[in-house]
Amino acid sequence: MAIQLRIHVPPHPLIKHWLGVLRDVNTPSAVFRSAMTEMGRWLTYEAIRNDWLPILETTVETPLTTCPAAFIHPETPVMVVPILRAGLALMEGVQDALPTASVYHLGFARNEATLEAECYVNKLPEQIDPTTRVLISEPMLATGGTIMATMAELTKRGVDPSLVRIVSVVTAPPALQKLAEAYPQLVIYAGIIDEGLDENGFIVPGLGDAGDRTFGTN
């Protein structure tokens, strides 16, 4: 059976609630930021389930006796890659779930004429251990340009796409189709899959510009 990209939309009531807050055009920036933090927290919680993080089986001493215990394996490298700038909006929640992960920033700006992603900052190491678990923080997967450029930067440094998890608030078919064709091993956790894009490449119904609404620059 051919490997196929998997996208999970968790049926979690908190994810549904905070998505509704983010959708609402009347949500003020301060509340929008809080909602993004919550989405980062709960989507990351969902994304790191299902054996993504290796477990170390051991024993511990309780106040009364010895018993089995399981811990996240301390030798497994974990990194988070927020895509600037909107990816920063999810980071407080992401880091609550993965407090010991290393964070490496990638910054892309969209050329509004071509809709292509243009990199303006790249803090990735030149080589990445192929066993590294990578979580990408990207609130919107729209045309797919930015996430495809991100995956290209990661894979050429040694990242295994099957060990990558993407957390995204709102996704659209064009980005998902590109990812499915190029990286079918990927797993995505999203708040919703919307119907498509408008003529400017924005997700519809979407939630507007996540970066502008988070940082109050719209």
N, C-alpha and C. Protein backbone atom coordinates (compact mmCIF):
# COMPACT_ATOMS: atom_id res chain seq x y z
N MET A 1 0.84 -1.20 0.00
CA MET A 1 0.00 0.00 0.00
C MET A 1 0.88 1.25 0.00
N ALA A 2 0.57 2.21 -0.87
CA ALA A 2 1.36 3.43 -0.96
C ALA A 2 1.16 4.27 0.30
N ILE A 3 2.25 4.93 0.70
CA ILE A 3 2.18 5.84 1.84
C ILE A 3 1.39 7.08 1.45
N GLN A 4 0.49 7.50 2.33
CA GLN A 4 -0.32 8.69 2.06
C GLN A 4 -0.21 9.67 3.21
N LEU A 5 -0.17 10.94 2.87
CA LEU A 5 -0.16 11.98 3.89
C LEU A 5 -1.37 11.83 4.79
N ARG A 6 -1.14 12.00 6.08
CA ARG A 6 -2.23 11.91 7.04
C ARG A 6 -2.48 13.29 7.66
N ILE A 7 -3.72 13.71 7.63
CA ILE A 7 -4.09 14.96 8.29
C ILE A 7 -5.18 14.67 9.29
N HIS A 8 -4.92 15.05 10.53
CA HIS A 8 -5.86 14.81 11.62
C HIS A 8 -6.51 16.14 12.03
N VAL A 9 -7.82 16.13 12.14
CA VAL A 9 -8.57 17.27 12.67
C VAL A 9 -9.20 16.77 13.97
N PRO A 10 -8.52 16.96 15.10
CA PRO A 10 -9.01 16.38 16.35
C PRO A 10 -10.39 16.90 16.73
N PRO A 11 -11.30 16.00 17.11
CA PRO A 11 -12.65 16.42 17.50
C PRO A 11 -12.70 16.88 18.96
N HIS A 12 -11.78 17.76 19.31
CA HIS A 12 -11.64 18.20 20.69
C HIS A 12 -12.47 19.47 20.90
N PRO A 13 -13.30 19.51 21.93
CA PRO A 13 -14.16 20.69 22.13
C PRO A 13 -13.38 21.99 22.34
N LEU A 14 -12.21 21.91 22.97
CA LEU A 14 -11.43 23.12 23.17
C LEU A 14 -10.86 23.63 21.85
N ILE A 15 -10.45 22.74 20.98
CA ILE A 15 -9.96 23.15 19.67
C ILE A 15 -11.09 23.81 18.89
N LYS A 16 -12.27 23.24 18.93
CA LYS A 16 -13.43 23.84 18.25
C LYS A 16 -13.74 25.22 18.82
N HIS A 17 -13.70 25.32 20.14
CA HIS A 17 -14.02 26.59 20.80
C HIS A 17 -13.04 27.69 20.38
N TRP A 18 -11.73 27.41 20.50
CA TRP A 18 -10.74 28.44 20.20
C TRP A 18 -10.70 28.77 18.71
N LEU A 19 -11.01 27.79 17.87
CA LEU A 19 -11.12 28.08 16.44
C LEU A 19 -12.24 29.08 16.18
N GLY A 20 -13.35 28.92 16.85
CA GLY A 20 -14.46 29.87 16.71
C GLY A 20 -14.06 31.27 17.13
N VAL A 21 -13.30 31.37 18.22
CA VAL A 21 -12.81 32.68 18.68
C VAL A 21 -11.92 33.31 17.62
N LEU A 22 -11.04 32.50 17.03
CA LEU A 22 -10.11 33.00 16.02
C LEU A 22 -10.83 33.42 14.73
N ARG A 23 -11.88 32.73 14.38
CA ARG A 23 -12.63 33.05 13.16
C ARG A 23 -13.33 34.41 13.26
N ASP A 24 -13.79 34.75 14.44
CA ASP A 24 -14.65 35.92 14.63
C ASP A 24 -13.90 37.22 14.34
N VAL A 25 -14.39 37.98 13.37
CA VAL A 25 -13.75 39.23 13.00
C VAL A 25 -13.74 40.24 14.14
N ASN A 26 -14.64 40.08 15.12
CA ASN A 26 -14.74 41.02 16.24
C ASN A 26 -13.83 40.66 17.41
N THR A 27 -13.07 39.57 17.32
CA THR A 27 -12.16 39.19 18.39
C THR A 27 -10.99 40.18 18.44
N PRO A 28 -10.78 40.84 19.58
CA PRO A 28 -9.66 41.80 19.67
C PRO A 28 -8.32 41.08 19.68
N SER A 29 -7.27 41.82 19.37
CA SER A 29 -5.94 41.22 19.21
C SER A 29 -5.48 40.47 20.46
N ALA A 30 -5.72 41.03 21.64
CA ALA A 30 -5.26 40.39 22.88
C ALA A 30 -5.93 39.02 23.07
N VAL A 31 -7.23 38.95 22.77
CA VAL A 31 -7.94 37.67 22.89
C VAL A 31 -7.50 36.72 21.77
N PHE A 32 -7.26 37.27 20.59
CA PHE A 32 -6.78 36.46 19.47
C PHE A 32 -5.45 35.78 19.85
N ARG A 33 -4.55 36.54 20.46
CA ARG A 33 -3.26 35.97 20.88
C ARG A 33 -3.46 34.83 21.87
N SER A 34 -4.36 35.03 22.82
CA SER A 34 -4.64 33.97 23.80
C SER A 34 -5.20 32.73 23.12
N ALA A 35 -6.09 32.94 22.16
CA ALA A 35 -6.68 31.82 21.44
C ALA A 35 -5.62 31.07 20.64
N MET A 36 -4.67 31.79 20.05
CA MET A 36 -3.59 31.14 19.31
C MET A 36 -2.72 30.30 20.24
N THR A 37 -2.45 30.84 21.43
CA THR A 37 -1.69 30.07 22.41
C THR A 37 -2.40 28.77 22.74
N GLU A 38 -3.71 28.85 22.96
CA GLU A 38 -4.47 27.65 23.28
C GLU A 38 -4.48 26.66 22.13
N MET A 39 -4.62 27.15 20.91
CA MET A 39 -4.57 26.25 19.75
C MET A 39 -3.21 25.57 19.64
N GLY A 40 -2.14 26.34 19.91
CA GLY A 40 -0.81 25.74 19.90
C GLY A 40 -0.67 24.65 20.93
N ARG A 41 -1.22 24.89 22.11
CA ARG A 41 -1.14 23.91 23.19
C ARG A 41 -1.88 22.62 22.84
N TRP A 42 -3.14 22.75 22.40
CA TRP A 42 -3.95 21.55 22.20
C TRP A 42 -3.61 20.81 20.92
N LEU A 43 -3.23 21.53 19.88
CA LEU A 43 -2.81 20.84 18.66
C LEU A 43 -1.49 20.10 18.87
N THR A 44 -0.59 20.71 19.65
CA THR A 44 0.67 20.02 19.95
C THR A 44 0.44 18.81 20.83
N TYR A 45 -0.44 18.95 21.80
CA TYR A 45 -0.80 17.80 22.63
C TYR A 45 -1.26 16.63 21.77
N GLU A 46 -2.12 16.92 20.80
CA GLU A 46 -2.60 15.86 19.90
C GLU A 46 -1.48 15.33 19.03
N ALA A 47 -0.61 16.22 18.55
CA ALA A 47 0.43 15.83 17.60
C ALA A 47 1.49 14.93 18.20
N ILE A 48 1.74 15.03 19.50
CA ILE A 48 2.81 14.24 20.10
C ILE A 48 2.30 12.94 20.71
N ARG A 49 1.05 12.62 20.43
CA ARG A 49 0.54 11.30 20.82
C ARG A 49 0.95 10.26 19.78
N ASN A 50 0.51 9.04 19.99
CA ASN A 50 0.66 7.96 19.00
C ASN A 50 2.11 7.63 18.67
N ASP A 51 2.93 7.50 19.71
CA ASP A 51 4.29 6.95 19.57
C ASP A 51 5.26 7.85 18.81
N TRP A 52 4.96 9.13 18.65
CA TRP A 52 5.91 10.02 17.97
C TRP A 52 7.17 10.19 18.81
N LEU A 53 7.01 10.34 20.11
CA LEU A 53 8.15 10.47 21.02
C LEU A 53 8.49 9.11 21.62
N PRO A 54 9.72 8.62 21.42
CA PRO A 54 10.10 7.33 22.01
C PRO A 54 10.05 7.38 23.54
N ILE A 55 9.68 6.24 24.11
CA ILE A 55 9.52 6.14 25.56
C ILE A 55 10.62 5.25 26.14
N LEU A 56 11.15 5.65 27.28
CA LEU A 56 12.12 4.87 28.02
C LEU A 56 11.42 4.20 29.19
N GLU A 57 11.39 2.86 29.17
CA GLU A 57 10.77 2.09 30.25
C GLU A 57 11.80 1.87 31.35
N THR A 58 11.41 2.17 32.58
CA THR A 58 12.33 2.02 33.69
C THR A 58 11.53 1.75 34.97
N THR A 59 12.15 1.90 36.10
CA THR A 59 11.46 1.78 37.39
C THR A 59 11.81 2.98 38.25
N VAL A 60 10.92 3.30 39.17
CA VAL A 60 11.16 4.38 40.13
C VAL A 60 10.79 3.91 41.52
N GLU A 61 11.34 4.59 42.50
CA GLU A 61 10.98 4.34 43.89
C GLU A 61 9.87 5.31 44.30
N THR A 62 8.73 4.80 44.66
CA THR A 62 7.69 5.63 45.25
C THR A 62 7.96 5.73 46.75
N PRO A 63 7.21 6.53 47.49
CA PRO A 63 7.40 6.56 48.95
C PRO A 63 7.16 5.20 49.61
N LEU A 64 6.54 4.26 48.87
CA LEU A 64 6.18 2.99 49.50
C LEU A 64 6.91 1.79 48.92
N THR A 65 7.23 1.82 47.60
CA THR A 65 7.83 0.63 46.98
C THR A 65 8.42 1.01 45.63
N THR A 66 8.80 0.00 44.87
CA THR A 66 9.31 0.19 43.52
C THR A 66 8.21 -0.14 42.53
N CYS A 67 8.15 0.63 41.42
CA CYS A 67 7.13 0.35 40.41
C CYS A 67 7.64 0.75 39.03
N PRO A 68 7.02 0.18 37.97
CA PRO A 68 7.42 0.55 36.61
C PRO A 68 7.07 2.01 36.32
N ALA A 69 7.86 2.63 35.44
CA ALA A 69 7.60 4.00 35.02
C ALA A 69 8.07 4.17 33.58
N ALA A 70 7.48 5.12 32.90
CA ALA A 70 7.85 5.41 31.52
C ALA A 70 8.09 6.91 31.38
N PHE A 71 9.17 7.25 30.68
CA PHE A 71 9.54 8.64 30.47
C PHE A 71 9.84 8.87 28.99
N ILE A 72 9.65 10.10 28.54
CA ILE A 72 10.13 10.45 27.20
C ILE A 72 11.63 10.23 27.17
N HIS A 73 12.10 9.53 26.14
CA HIS A 73 13.52 9.16 26.08
C HIS A 73 14.38 10.42 26.03
N PRO A 74 15.27 10.60 27.00
CA PRO A 74 16.04 11.85 27.07
C PRO A 74 17.06 12.01 25.95
N GLU A 75 17.40 10.94 25.24
CA GLU A 75 18.40 11.04 24.18
C GLU A 75 17.78 11.28 22.80
N THR A 76 16.46 11.39 22.73
CA THR A 76 15.80 11.66 21.45
C THR A 76 15.79 13.16 21.18
N PRO A 77 16.45 13.62 20.11
CA PRO A 77 16.43 15.05 19.83
C PRO A 77 15.06 15.50 19.33
N VAL A 78 14.60 16.62 19.86
CA VAL A 78 13.31 17.19 19.47
C VAL A 78 13.53 18.67 19.15
N MET A 79 13.03 19.11 18.01
CA MET A 79 13.14 20.52 17.66
C MET A 79 11.81 21.06 17.18
N VAL A 80 11.59 22.34 17.46
CA VAL A 80 10.41 23.04 17.00
C VAL A 80 10.86 24.11 16.02
N VAL A 81 10.14 24.21 14.90
CA VAL A 81 10.46 25.22 13.89
C VAL A 81 9.24 26.11 13.69
N PRO A 82 9.20 27.27 14.34
CA PRO A 82 8.12 28.22 14.06
C PRO A 82 8.44 28.98 12.77
N ILE A 83 7.48 29.09 11.89
CA ILE A 83 7.67 29.85 10.65
C ILE A 83 7.22 31.28 10.92
N LEU A 84 8.19 32.19 10.86
CA LEU A 84 7.92 33.60 11.17
C LEU A 84 7.06 34.23 10.08
N ARG A 85 6.20 35.18 10.53
CA ARG A 85 6.12 35.53 11.94
C ARG A 85 4.95 34.88 12.62
N ALA A 86 3.95 34.45 11.82
CA ALA A 86 2.71 33.95 12.41
C ALA A 86 2.94 32.70 13.26
N GLY A 87 3.96 31.91 12.92
CA GLY A 87 4.23 30.70 13.68
C GLY A 87 4.57 30.97 15.13
N LEU A 88 5.06 32.18 15.42
CA LEU A 88 5.36 32.56 16.80
C LEU A 88 4.10 32.60 17.65
N ALA A 89 2.96 32.86 17.02
CA ALA A 89 1.71 33.00 17.78
C ALA A 89 1.32 31.71 18.49
N LEU A 90 1.73 30.57 17.96
CA LEU A 90 1.40 29.28 18.57
C LEU A 90 2.43 28.84 19.60
N MET A 91 3.57 29.53 19.66
CA MET A 91 4.72 28.99 20.37
C MET A 91 4.56 28.85 21.88
N GLU A 92 3.86 29.76 22.51
CA GLU A 92 3.70 29.63 23.96
C GLU A 92 3.00 28.33 24.30
N GLY A 93 1.96 28.00 23.54
CA GLY A 93 1.26 26.74 23.77
C GLY A 93 2.10 25.54 23.37
N VAL A 94 2.83 25.65 22.26
CA VAL A 94 3.70 24.56 21.81
C VAL A 94 4.74 24.25 22.87
N GLN A 95 5.38 25.29 23.40
CA GLN A 95 6.45 25.07 24.37
C GLN A 95 5.94 24.60 25.72
N ASP A 96 4.68 24.87 26.03
CA ASP A 96 4.09 24.28 27.24
C ASP A 96 4.08 22.76 27.13
N ALA A 97 3.82 22.26 25.91
CA ALA A 97 3.75 20.81 25.70
C ALA A 97 5.13 20.20 25.47
N LEU A 98 6.05 20.98 24.88
CA LEU A 98 7.40 20.48 24.59
C LEU A 98 8.44 21.44 25.17
N PRO A 99 8.53 21.53 26.50
CA PRO A 99 9.38 22.56 27.12
C PRO A 99 10.87 22.38 26.90
N THR A 100 11.32 21.17 26.60
CA THR A 100 12.76 20.94 26.45
C THR A 100 13.21 20.91 24.99
N ALA A 101 12.30 21.11 24.06
CA ALA A 101 12.66 21.08 22.64
C ALA A 101 13.51 22.29 22.26
N SER A 102 14.44 22.07 21.34
CA SER A 102 15.21 23.18 20.77
C SER A 102 14.33 23.92 19.76
N VAL A 103 14.53 25.23 19.65
CA VAL A 103 13.71 26.04 18.74
C VAL A 103 14.62 26.70 17.70
N TYR A 104 14.28 26.48 16.43
CA TYR A 104 15.03 27.07 15.32
C TYR A 104 14.05 27.82 14.42
N HIS A 105 14.35 29.08 14.16
CA HIS A 105 13.41 29.94 13.44
C HIS A 105 13.68 29.96 11.94
N LEU A 106 12.59 29.97 11.18
CA LEU A 106 12.61 30.21 9.74
C LEU A 106 11.65 31.35 9.45
N GLY A 107 12.08 32.29 8.65
CA GLY A 107 11.21 33.41 8.32
C GLY A 107 10.96 33.50 6.83
N PHE A 108 9.69 33.57 6.46
CA PHE A 108 9.30 33.72 5.06
C PHE A 108 8.31 34.87 4.94
N ALA A 109 8.43 35.59 3.85
CA ALA A 109 7.45 36.60 3.49
C ALA A 109 6.87 36.22 2.14
N ARG A 110 5.57 36.44 1.98
CA ARG A 110 4.93 36.10 0.71
C ARG A 110 5.01 37.27 -0.26
N ASN A 111 5.55 37.01 -1.44
CA ASN A 111 5.53 38.00 -2.51
C ASN A 111 4.10 38.10 -3.00
N GLU A 112 3.46 39.24 -2.74
CA GLU A 112 2.03 39.37 -3.05
C GLU A 112 1.75 39.36 -4.55
N ALA A 113 2.77 39.59 -5.37
CA ALA A 113 2.56 39.55 -6.83
C ALA A 113 2.59 38.13 -7.35
N THR A 114 3.54 37.33 -6.84
CA THR A 114 3.70 35.96 -7.34
C THR A 114 3.10 34.91 -6.41
N LEU A 115 2.81 35.32 -5.15
CA LEU A 115 2.34 34.43 -4.08
C LEU A 115 3.41 33.41 -3.68
N GLU A 116 4.67 33.64 -4.09
CA GLU A 116 5.77 32.74 -3.73
C GLU A 116 6.36 33.14 -2.39
N ALA A 117 6.87 32.14 -1.66
CA ALA A 117 7.50 32.40 -0.37
C ALA A 117 8.96 32.79 -0.56
N GLU A 118 9.38 33.87 0.12
CA GLU A 118 10.75 34.34 0.04
C GLU A 118 11.35 34.33 1.45
N CYS A 119 12.46 33.59 1.61
CA CYS A 119 13.08 33.43 2.93
C CYS A 119 13.89 34.67 3.29
N TYR A 120 13.70 35.17 4.53
CA TYR A 120 14.49 36.31 4.99
C TYR A 120 15.28 36.00 6.26
N VAL A 121 15.03 34.86 6.91
CA VAL A 121 15.86 34.43 8.04
C VAL A 121 15.84 32.91 8.11
N ASN A 122 17.01 32.32 8.34
CA ASN A 122 17.13 30.86 8.42
C ASN A 122 18.13 30.53 9.51
N LYS A 123 17.63 30.05 10.65
CA LYS A 123 18.47 29.72 11.79
C LYS A 123 18.64 28.20 11.96
N LEU A 124 18.31 27.43 10.93
CA LEU A 124 18.47 25.99 11.01
C LEU A 124 19.95 25.62 11.03
N PRO A 125 20.32 24.55 11.77
CA PRO A 125 21.71 24.07 11.69
C PRO A 125 21.98 23.47 10.32
N GLU A 126 23.25 23.43 9.94
CA GLU A 126 23.61 22.90 8.62
C GLU A 126 23.27 21.43 8.47
N GLN A 127 23.39 20.68 9.55
CA GLN A 127 23.08 19.25 9.53
C GLN A 127 22.22 18.92 10.74
N ILE A 128 21.20 18.09 10.51
CA ILE A 128 20.27 17.70 11.57
C ILE A 128 20.26 16.19 11.70
N ASP A 129 20.38 15.72 12.92
CA ASP A 129 20.33 14.28 13.20
C ASP A 129 19.07 13.68 12.59
N PRO A 130 19.19 12.64 11.76
CA PRO A 130 18.01 12.08 11.10
C PRO A 130 16.99 11.45 12.04
N THR A 131 17.35 11.25 13.31
CA THR A 131 16.38 10.73 14.27
C THR A 131 15.60 11.85 14.96
N THR A 132 15.89 13.10 14.62
CA THR A 132 15.24 14.23 15.28
C THR A 132 13.75 14.27 14.97
N ARG A 133 12.97 14.47 16.02
CA ARG A 133 11.54 14.74 15.86
C ARG A 133 11.38 16.24 15.64
N VAL A 134 10.70 16.62 14.58
CA VAL A 134 10.55 18.02 14.22
C VAL A 134 9.07 18.39 14.22
N LEU A 135 8.73 19.43 14.97
CA LEU A 135 7.37 19.96 14.96
C LEU A 135 7.41 21.35 14.34
N ILE A 136 6.64 21.55 13.27
CA ILE A 136 6.57 22.83 12.59
C ILE A 136 5.33 23.57 13.03
N SER A 137 5.53 24.82 13.45
CA SER A 137 4.43 25.68 13.87
C SER A 137 4.10 26.65 12.74
N GLU A 138 2.97 26.43 12.08
CA GLU A 138 2.55 27.26 10.94
C GLU A 138 1.03 27.37 10.95
N PRO A 139 0.49 28.50 11.42
CA PRO A 139 -0.96 28.61 11.60
C PRO A 139 -1.80 28.41 10.35
N MET A 140 -1.28 28.81 9.17
CA MET A 140 -2.08 28.75 7.95
C MET A 140 -1.33 27.96 6.87
N LEU A 141 -1.97 26.96 6.32
CA LEU A 141 -1.44 26.25 5.14
C LEU A 141 -2.36 26.59 3.99
N ALA A 142 -1.96 27.56 3.18
CA ALA A 142 -2.83 28.10 2.13
C ALA A 142 -2.38 27.63 0.75
N THR A 143 -1.51 28.40 0.10
CA THR A 143 -1.02 28.02 -1.23
C THR A 143 -0.01 26.89 -1.16
N GLY A 144 0.64 26.76 0.00
CA GLY A 144 1.64 25.71 0.17
C GLY A 144 3.06 26.15 -0.09
N GLY A 145 3.26 27.39 -0.55
CA GLY A 145 4.61 27.84 -0.87
C GLY A 145 5.54 27.85 0.31
N THR A 146 5.09 28.41 1.43
CA THR A 146 5.95 28.52 2.61
C THR A 146 6.27 27.16 3.21
N ILE A 147 5.27 26.31 3.36
CA ILE A 147 5.53 25.01 3.99
C ILE A 147 6.37 24.12 3.08
N MET A 148 6.21 24.23 1.78
CA MET A 148 7.05 23.45 0.87
C MET A 148 8.50 23.93 0.94
N ALA A 149 8.72 25.24 1.03
CA ALA A 149 10.07 25.76 1.18
C ALA A 149 10.68 25.32 2.51
N THR A 150 9.86 25.30 3.55
CA THR A 150 10.34 24.84 4.86
C THR A 150 10.76 23.38 4.82
N MET A 151 9.94 22.55 4.23
CA MET A 151 10.27 21.12 4.13
C MET A 151 11.53 20.90 3.30
N ALA A 152 11.72 21.68 2.26
CA ALA A 152 12.93 21.55 1.44
C ALA A 152 14.17 21.88 2.27
N GLU A 153 14.08 22.94 3.09
CA GLU A 153 15.22 23.31 3.94
C GLU A 153 15.51 22.22 4.97
N LEU A 154 14.49 21.63 5.53
CA LEU A 154 14.67 20.60 6.56
C LEU A 154 15.23 19.31 5.97
N THR A 155 14.64 18.85 4.89
CA THR A 155 15.06 17.55 4.34
C THR A 155 16.47 17.59 3.77
N LYS A 156 16.89 18.72 3.22
CA LYS A 156 18.25 18.78 2.69
C LYS A 156 19.29 18.79 3.80
N ARG A 157 18.82 19.02 5.04
CA ARG A 157 19.72 18.98 6.19
C ARG A 157 19.66 17.65 6.92
N GLY A 158 18.89 16.70 6.40
CA GLY A 158 18.88 15.36 6.96
C GLY A 158 17.62 14.94 7.68
N VAL A 159 16.60 15.80 7.75
CA VAL A 159 15.37 15.47 8.48
C VAL A 159 14.58 14.40 7.73
N ASP A 160 14.07 13.43 8.48
CA ASP A 160 13.22 12.38 7.94
C ASP A 160 11.77 12.89 7.95
N PRO A 161 11.13 13.04 6.77
CA PRO A 161 9.75 13.58 6.75
C PRO A 161 8.77 12.78 7.60
N SER A 162 9.02 11.48 7.79
CA SER A 162 8.09 10.68 8.58
C SER A 162 8.12 11.04 10.06
N LEU A 163 9.17 11.77 10.49
CA LEU A 163 9.29 12.17 11.88
C LEU A 163 8.87 13.63 12.10
N VAL A 164 8.31 14.24 11.05
CA VAL A 164 7.85 15.63 11.12
C VAL A 164 6.36 15.68 11.44
N ARG A 165 6.00 16.58 12.34
CA ARG A 165 4.60 16.87 12.61
C ARG A 165 4.37 18.36 12.35
N ILE A 166 3.31 18.69 11.65
CA ILE A 166 2.95 20.08 11.40
C ILE A 166 1.70 20.40 12.20
N VAL A 167 1.73 21.49 12.96
CA VAL A 167 0.52 21.95 13.63
C VAL A 167 0.08 23.23 12.94
N SER A 168 -1.18 23.26 12.54
CA SER A 168 -1.72 24.37 11.78
C SER A 168 -3.17 24.61 12.18
N VAL A 169 -3.54 25.86 12.32
CA VAL A 169 -4.90 26.18 12.74
C VAL A 169 -5.90 25.94 11.61
N VAL A 170 -5.60 26.50 10.44
CA VAL A 170 -6.50 26.41 9.29
C VAL A 170 -5.70 25.97 8.07
N THR A 171 -6.20 24.96 7.36
CA THR A 171 -5.52 24.46 6.17
C THR A 171 -6.47 24.52 4.98
N ALA A 172 -5.88 24.44 3.78
CA ALA A 172 -6.68 24.47 2.55
C ALA A 172 -6.14 23.41 1.58
N PRO A 173 -6.98 22.92 0.69
CA PRO A 173 -6.58 21.84 -0.23
C PRO A 173 -5.33 22.10 -1.05
N PRO A 174 -5.07 23.30 -1.59
CA PRO A 174 -3.86 23.47 -2.42
C PRO A 174 -2.57 23.10 -1.69
N ALA A 175 -2.42 23.56 -0.44
CA ALA A 175 -1.22 23.23 0.32
C ALA A 175 -1.16 21.74 0.65
N LEU A 176 -2.29 21.18 1.02
CA LEU A 176 -2.31 19.76 1.37
C LEU A 176 -1.98 18.89 0.17
N GLN A 177 -2.46 19.26 -0.99
CA GLN A 177 -2.16 18.49 -2.20
C GLN A 177 -0.67 18.53 -2.54
N LYS A 178 -0.05 19.69 -2.42
CA LYS A 178 1.39 19.79 -2.69
C LYS A 178 2.19 18.95 -1.71
N LEU A 179 1.83 19.03 -0.44
CA LEU A 179 2.54 18.24 0.57
C LEU A 179 2.35 16.74 0.34
N ALA A 180 1.15 16.35 -0.02
CA ALA A 180 0.86 14.92 -0.24
C ALA A 180 1.68 14.37 -1.39
N GLU A 181 1.87 15.17 -2.43
CA GLU A 181 2.64 14.70 -3.58
C GLU A 181 4.13 14.62 -3.28
N ALA A 182 4.65 15.60 -2.53
CA ALA A 182 6.09 15.67 -2.30
C ALA A 182 6.54 14.91 -1.05
N TYR A 183 5.70 14.90 -0.01
CA TYR A 183 6.09 14.31 1.27
C TYR A 183 4.93 13.48 1.84
N PRO A 184 4.62 12.36 1.23
CA PRO A 184 3.47 11.57 1.68
C PRO A 184 3.64 10.99 3.09
N GLN A 185 4.87 11.01 3.61
CA GLN A 185 5.09 10.47 4.97
C GLN A 185 4.67 11.45 6.06
N LEU A 186 4.38 12.68 5.70
CA LEU A 186 4.07 13.71 6.69
C LEU A 186 2.79 13.42 7.46
N VAL A 187 2.73 13.99 8.66
CA VAL A 187 1.51 13.95 9.46
C VAL A 187 1.20 15.38 9.90
N ILE A 188 -0.05 15.79 9.71
CA ILE A 188 -0.47 17.15 10.02
C ILE A 188 -1.61 17.11 11.03
N TYR A 189 -1.56 18.01 11.99
CA TYR A 189 -2.65 18.19 12.95
C TYR A 189 -3.19 19.60 12.77
N ALA A 190 -4.47 19.70 12.45
CA ALA A 190 -5.06 20.99 12.10
C ALA A 190 -6.37 21.21 12.83
N GLY A 191 -6.70 22.48 13.01
CA GLY A 191 -7.99 22.82 13.60
C GLY A 191 -9.14 22.57 12.63
N ILE A 192 -8.87 22.79 11.33
CA ILE A 192 -9.93 22.63 10.32
C ILE A 192 -9.29 22.57 8.94
N ILE A 193 -10.00 21.94 8.01
CA ILE A 193 -9.66 22.02 6.58
C ILE A 193 -10.74 22.87 5.93
N ASP A 194 -10.36 24.06 5.45
CA ASP A 194 -11.33 24.95 4.82
C ASP A 194 -11.49 24.62 3.34
N GLU A 195 -12.47 25.28 2.71
CA GLU A 195 -12.88 24.89 1.36
C GLU A 195 -11.91 25.29 0.27
N GLY A 196 -11.16 26.39 0.45
CA GLY A 196 -10.25 26.79 -0.62
C GLY A 196 -9.68 28.17 -0.41
N LEU A 197 -9.21 28.78 -1.50
CA LEU A 197 -8.55 30.09 -1.46
C LEU A 197 -9.31 31.09 -2.32
N ASP A 198 -9.17 32.38 -1.96
CA ASP A 198 -9.74 33.41 -2.83
C ASP A 198 -8.71 33.81 -3.88
N GLU A 199 -9.01 34.83 -4.67
CA GLU A 199 -8.14 35.22 -5.77
C GLU A 199 -6.81 35.80 -5.28
N ASN A 200 -6.72 36.16 -3.99
CA ASN A 200 -5.48 36.68 -3.43
C ASN A 200 -4.68 35.62 -2.68
N GLY A 201 -5.16 34.39 -2.71
CA GLY A 201 -4.46 33.31 -2.04
C GLY A 201 -4.73 33.19 -0.57
N PHE A 202 -5.79 33.84 -0.07
CA PHE A 202 -6.16 33.73 1.33
C PHE A 202 -7.19 32.61 1.52
N ILE A 203 -7.08 31.92 2.65
CA ILE A 203 -7.99 30.81 2.93
C ILE A 203 -9.39 31.34 3.20
N VAL A 204 -10.39 30.66 2.61
CA VAL A 204 -11.80 31.01 2.79
C VAL A 204 -12.53 29.81 3.39
N PRO A 205 -13.32 29.97 4.48
CA PRO A 205 -13.59 31.24 5.17
C PRO A 205 -12.43 31.75 6.02
N GLY A 206 -11.54 30.86 6.45
CA GLY A 206 -10.31 31.29 7.11
C GLY A 206 -10.51 32.08 8.37
N LEU A 207 -9.49 32.89 8.69
CA LEU A 207 -9.56 33.76 9.87
C LEU A 207 -8.79 35.06 9.63
N GLY A 208 -8.55 35.37 8.36
CA GLY A 208 -7.79 36.57 8.04
C GLY A 208 -6.30 36.30 8.09
N ASP A 209 -5.51 37.36 8.26
CA ASP A 209 -4.06 37.25 8.36
C ASP A 209 -3.69 36.96 9.81
N ALA A 210 -3.22 35.74 10.08
CA ALA A 210 -2.94 35.33 11.47
C ALA A 210 -1.88 36.20 12.11
N GLY A 211 -0.85 36.58 11.36
CA GLY A 211 0.20 37.41 11.92
C GLY A 211 -0.30 38.80 12.27
N ASP A 212 -1.02 39.43 11.35
CA ASP A 212 -1.55 40.77 11.62
C ASP A 212 -2.50 40.77 12.80
N ARG A 213 -3.36 39.78 12.87
CA ARG A 213 -4.35 39.76 13.95
C ARG A 213 -3.70 39.44 15.30
N THR A 214 -2.65 38.63 15.29
CA THR A 214 -1.95 38.31 16.52
C THR A 214 -1.21 39.52 17.07
N PHE A 215 -0.51 40.22 16.19
CA PHE A 215 0.38 41.29 16.64
C PHE A 215 -0.23 42.69 16.50
N GLY A 216 -1.51 42.75 16.13
CA GLY A 216 -2.21 44.02 16.09
C GLY A 216 -1.72 44.96 15.02
N THR A 217 -1.33 44.40 13.87
CA THR A 217 -0.77 45.23 12.80
C THR A 217 -1.68 45.33 11.60
N ASN A 218 -2.93 44.84 11.72
CA ASN A 218 -3.84 44.92 10.58
C ASN A 218 -4.54 46.28 10.52
